[in-house]
Amino acid sequence: MFLTYLEKSKKETEKYFIAWDCDNNIIGVFNVSGIMRGVFKSAFLGYYASIDKAGRGLMSKALKLVLSEVFTTLDLHRIEANIQPTNTQSIHLAVRNGFLKEGFSPRYLKIHGIWQDHLQLRFDSRRLVL
């Protein structure tokens, strides 16, 4: 299952990261998709956490590593996260790690057959502190 997931990361427009704890348990995954080069140098970020690992700051540490990779190795300028307003834990994770609220997109993504509103958050390379 995860080999198939990681195979997608070989594409130029998508990179996937799996975060592990010190006991080799998966704490979450990060998807960097829609990577645009040229004058944009931007991408979209999605992430999922293991519920049993929540609230320990592990995803926050992992997100910092992913952001470092995005802005150094991938040489992007900006990454955007679009999160449903009811997903407060994901919003808090993004904001705690320097994402800024940028806008609101009504009926942005179709999830489980229903168009869902999303809060738009962004992080750009100027905010990165290594």
C-alpha atoms as a PDB file:
ATOM      1  CA  MET A   1       0.000   0.000   0.000  1.00  0.00           C
ATOM      2  CA  PHE A   2       2.662   2.540   0.959  1.00  0.00           C
ATOM      3  CA  LEU A   3       4.935   1.533  -1.915  1.00  0.00           C
ATOM      4  CA  THR A   4       2.159   2.497  -4.319  1.00  0.00           C
ATOM      5  CA  TYR A   5       1.706   5.729  -2.383  1.00  0.00           C
ATOM      6  CA  LEU A   6       5.411   6.552  -2.594  1.00  0.00           C
ATOM      7  CA  GLU A   7       5.616   5.596  -6.289  1.00  0.00           C
ATOM      8  CA  LYS A   8       3.499   8.668  -7.015  1.00  0.00           C
ATOM      9  CA  SER A   9       6.286  10.778  -5.541  1.00  0.00           C
ATOM     10  CA  LYS A  10       8.432  10.129  -8.599  1.00  0.00           C
ATOM     11  CA  LYS A  11       6.287  12.540 -10.596  1.00  0.00           C
ATOM     12  CA  GLU A  12       7.605  16.075 -11.062  1.00  0.00           C
ATOM     13  CA  THR A  13       4.265  17.532  -9.966  1.00  0.00           C
ATOM     14  CA  GLU A  14       3.769  15.475  -6.782  1.00  0.00           C
ATOM     15  CA  LYS A  15       5.856  14.624  -3.729  1.00  0.00           C
ATOM     16  CA  TYR A  16       4.702  12.479  -0.828  1.00  0.00           C
ATOM     17  CA  PHE A  17       6.170  12.194   2.654  1.00  0.00           C
ATOM     18  CA  ILE A  18       5.499   9.668   5.404  1.00  0.00           C
ATOM     19  CA  ALA A  19       6.263  10.787   8.954  1.00  0.00           C
ATOM     20  CA  TRP A  20       7.460   8.179  11.465  1.00  0.00           C
ATOM     21  CA  ASP A  21       8.048   8.344  15.192  1.00  0.00           C
ATOM     22  CA  CYS A  22      11.193   6.975  16.851  1.00  0.00           C
ATOM     23  CA  ASP A  23       9.543   3.530  17.130  1.00  0.00           C
ATOM     24  CA  ASN A  24       8.864   3.410  13.355  1.00  0.00           C
ATOM     25  CA  ASN A  25       5.128   3.987  13.783  1.00  0.00           C
ATOM     26  CA  ILE A  26       3.499   6.091  11.090  1.00  0.00           C
ATOM     27  CA  ILE A  27       2.294   9.377  12.580  1.00  0.00           C
ATOM     28  CA  GLY A  28       0.987  10.879   9.359  1.00  0.00           C
ATOM     29  CA  VAL A  29       1.483  11.629   5.694  1.00  0.00           C
ATOM     30  CA  PHE A  30       1.986  14.831   3.733  1.00  0.00           C
ATOM     31  CA  ASN A  31       1.046  15.307   0.083  1.00  0.00           C
ATOM     32  CA  VAL A  32       2.647  18.089  -1.930  1.00  0.00           C
ATOM     33  CA  SER A  33       0.707  18.192  -5.184  1.00  0.00           C
ATOM     34  CA  GLY A  34       0.083  20.418  -8.155  1.00  0.00           C
ATOM     35  CA  ILE A  35       3.712  21.513  -8.128  1.00  0.00           C
ATOM     36  CA  MET A  36       4.073  24.382 -10.586  1.00  0.00           C
ATOM     37  CA  ARG A  37       7.443  25.640 -11.751  1.00  0.00           C
ATOM     38  CA  GLY A  38       8.296  28.715 -13.814  1.00  0.00           C
ATOM     39  CA  VAL A  39       7.028  32.003 -12.430  1.00  0.00           C
ATOM     40  CA  PHE A  40       4.659  30.278  -9.960  1.00  0.00           C
ATOM     41  CA  LYS A  41       7.002  27.982  -8.000  1.00  0.00           C
ATOM     42  CA  SER A  42       4.068  26.860  -5.881  1.00  0.00           C
ATOM     43  CA  ALA A  43       2.155  23.770  -4.771  1.00  0.00           C
ATOM     44  CA  PHE A  44      -0.716  22.505  -2.639  1.00  0.00           C
ATOM     45  CA  LEU A  45      -0.311  20.737   0.710  1.00  0.00           C
ATOM     46  CA  GLY A  46      -2.528  18.053   2.172  1.00  0.00           C
ATOM     47  CA  TYR A  47      -1.906  15.973   5.275  1.00  0.00           C
ATOM     48  CA  TYR A  48      -3.408  13.248   7.413  1.00  0.00           C
ATOM     49  CA  ALA A  49      -2.489  12.293  10.966  1.00  0.00           C
ATOM     50  CA  SER A  50      -2.788   9.007  12.843  1.00  0.00           C
ATOM     51  CA  ILE A  51      -5.441   9.625  15.468  1.00  0.00           C
ATOM     52  CA  ASP A  52      -3.542   7.714  18.152  1.00  0.00           C
ATOM     53  CA  LYS A  53      -0.532  10.045  17.682  1.00  0.00           C
ATOM     54  CA  ALA A  54      -2.513  13.305  17.835  1.00  0.00           C
ATOM     55  CA  GLY A  55      -1.789  16.002  20.395  1.00  0.00           C
ATOM     56  CA  ARG A  56       1.891  15.182  20.922  1.00  0.00           C
ATOM     57  CA  GLY A  57       3.410  17.764  18.576  1.00  0.00           C
ATOM     58  CA  LEU A  58       4.743  15.078  16.248  1.00  0.00           C
ATOM     59  CA  MET A  59       2.859  16.315  13.176  1.00  0.00           C
ATOM     60  CA  SER A  60       4.091  19.815  13.911  1.00  0.00           C
ATOM     61  CA  LYS A  61       7.702  18.623  13.916  1.00  0.00           C
ATOM     62  CA  ALA A  62       7.090  16.647  10.726  1.00  0.00           C
ATOM     63  CA  LEU A  63       5.424  19.615   9.013  1.00  0.00           C
ATOM     64  CA  LYS A  64       8.482  21.759   9.737  1.00  0.00           C
ATOM     65  CA  LEU A  65      10.663  19.151   8.003  1.00  0.00           C
ATOM     66  CA  VAL A  66       8.307  18.992   5.023  1.00  0.00           C
ATOM     67  CA  LEU A  67       8.313  22.796   4.705  1.00  0.00           C
ATOM     68  CA  SER A  68      12.104  22.808   4.795  1.00  0.00           C
ATOM     69  CA  GLU A  69      12.137  20.242   1.976  1.00  0.00           C
ATOM     70  CA  VAL A  70       9.559  22.196  -0.036  1.00  0.00           C
ATOM     71  CA  PHE A  71      11.488  25.461   0.097  1.00  0.00           C
ATOM     72  CA  THR A  72      15.056  24.177  -0.075  1.00  0.00           C
ATOM     73  CA  THR A  73      15.201  20.956  -2.090  1.00  0.00           C
ATOM     74  CA  LEU A  74      12.104  21.573  -4.234  1.00  0.00           C
ATOM     75  CA  ASP A  75      12.944  25.301  -4.429  1.00  0.00           C
ATOM     76  CA  LEU A  76       9.338  26.463  -4.261  1.00  0.00           C
ATOM     77  CA  HIS A  77       8.192  29.950  -3.303  1.00  0.00           C
ATOM     78  CA  ARG A  78       4.740  29.193  -1.885  1.00  0.00           C
ATOM     79  CA  ILE A  79       2.597  26.324  -0.640  1.00  0.00           C
ATOM     80  CA  GLU A  80      -1.130  26.456  -0.058  1.00  0.00           C
ATOM     81  CA  ALA A  81      -3.356  24.365   2.209  1.00  0.00           C
ATOM     82  CA  ASN A  82      -7.114  24.304   1.689  1.00  0.00           C
ATOM     83  CA  ILE A  83      -8.903  22.979   4.759  1.00  0.00           C
ATOM     84  CA  GLN A  84     -12.579  22.542   5.582  1.00  0.00           C
ATOM     85  CA  PRO A  85     -13.575  25.114   8.248  1.00  0.00           C
ATOM     86  CA  THR A  86     -14.865  22.327  10.516  1.00  0.00           C
ATOM     87  CA  ASN A  87     -11.437  20.630  10.549  1.00  0.00           C
ATOM     88  CA  THR A  88     -10.125  22.737  13.404  1.00  0.00           C
ATOM     89  CA  GLN A  89      -7.191  20.447  14.250  1.00  0.00           C
ATOM     90  CA  SER A  90      -5.775  20.732  10.732  1.00  0.00           C
ATOM     91  CA  ILE A  91      -6.292  24.499  10.732  1.00  0.00           C
ATOM     92  CA  HIS A  92      -4.513  24.804  14.097  1.00  0.00           C
ATOM     93  CA  LEU A  93      -1.598  22.686  12.850  1.00  0.00           C
ATOM     94  CA  ALA A  94      -1.156  24.925   9.809  1.00  0.00           C
ATOM     95  CA  VAL A  95      -1.506  28.211  11.735  1.00  0.00           C
ATOM     96  CA  ARG A  96       0.802  27.020  14.555  1.00  0.00           C
ATOM     97  CA  ASN A  97       3.450  26.388  11.924  1.00  0.00           C
ATOM     98  CA  GLY A  98       3.282  29.777  10.248  1.00  0.00           C
ATOM     99  CA  PHE A  99       0.532  29.435   7.656  1.00  0.00           C
ATOM    100  CA  LEU A 100      -1.498  32.596   7.155  1.00  0.00           C
ATOM    101  CA  LYS A 101      -5.214  32.672   6.451  1.00  0.00           C
ATOM    102  CA  GLU A 102      -5.631  34.023   2.955  1.00  0.00           C
ATOM    103  CA  GLY A 103      -9.209  33.458   1.936  1.00  0.00           C
ATOM    104  CA  PHE A 104     -12.345  31.385   1.812  1.00  0.00           C
ATOM    105  CA  SER A 105     -13.384  29.220  -1.134  1.00  0.00           C
ATOM    106  CA  PRO A 106     -17.046  28.218  -1.183  1.00  0.00           C
ATOM    107  CA  ARG A 107     -17.812  24.808  -2.711  1.00  0.00           C
ATOM    108  CA  TYR A 108     -14.093  24.297  -3.406  1.00  0.00           C
ATOM    109  CA  LEU A 109     -13.683  20.490  -3.382  1.00  0.00           C
ATOM    110  CA  LYS A 110     -16.136  17.654  -3.889  1.00  0.00           C
ATOM    111  CA  ILE A 111     -15.719  15.308  -0.935  1.00  0.00           C
ATOM    112  CA  HIS A 112     -17.914  12.221  -0.561  1.00  0.00           C
ATOM    113  CA  GLY A 113     -20.127  13.563  -3.336  1.00  0.00           C
ATOM    114  CA  ILE A 114     -20.745  16.960  -1.719  1.00  0.00           C
ATOM    115  CA  TRP A 115     -19.107  20.267  -2.646  1.00  0.00           C
ATOM    116  CA  GLN A 116     -17.372  21.513   0.501  1.00  0.00           C
ATOM    117  CA  ASP A 117     -16.265  25.011   1.511  1.00  0.00           C
ATOM    118  CA  HIS A 118     -12.576  25.441   2.366  1.00  0.00           C
ATOM    119  CA  LEU A 119     -10.420  27.922   4.211  1.00  0.00           C
ATOM    120  CA  GLN A 120      -7.366  28.885   2.173  1.00  0.00           C
ATOM    121  CA  LEU A 121      -4.052  29.163   4.037  1.00  0.00           C
ATOM    122  CA  ARG A 122      -0.610  29.875   2.638  1.00  0.00           C
ATOM    123  CA  PHE A 123       3.030  29.722   3.605  1.00  0.00           C
ATOM    124  CA  ASP A 124       5.726  31.349   1.517  1.00  0.00           C
ATOM    125  CA  SER A 125       9.492  31.004   1.522  1.00  0.00           C
ATOM    126  CA  ARG A 126      10.020  34.298   3.395  1.00  0.00           C
ATOM    127  CA  ARG A 127       8.421  32.753   6.498  1.00  0.00           C
ATOM    128  CA  LEU A 128      10.745  29.749   6.641  1.00  0.00           C
ATOM    129  CA  VAL A 129      13.038  29.642   9.658  1.00  0.00           C
ATOM    130  CA  LEU A 130      15.512  26.762   9.510  1.00  0.00           C
END
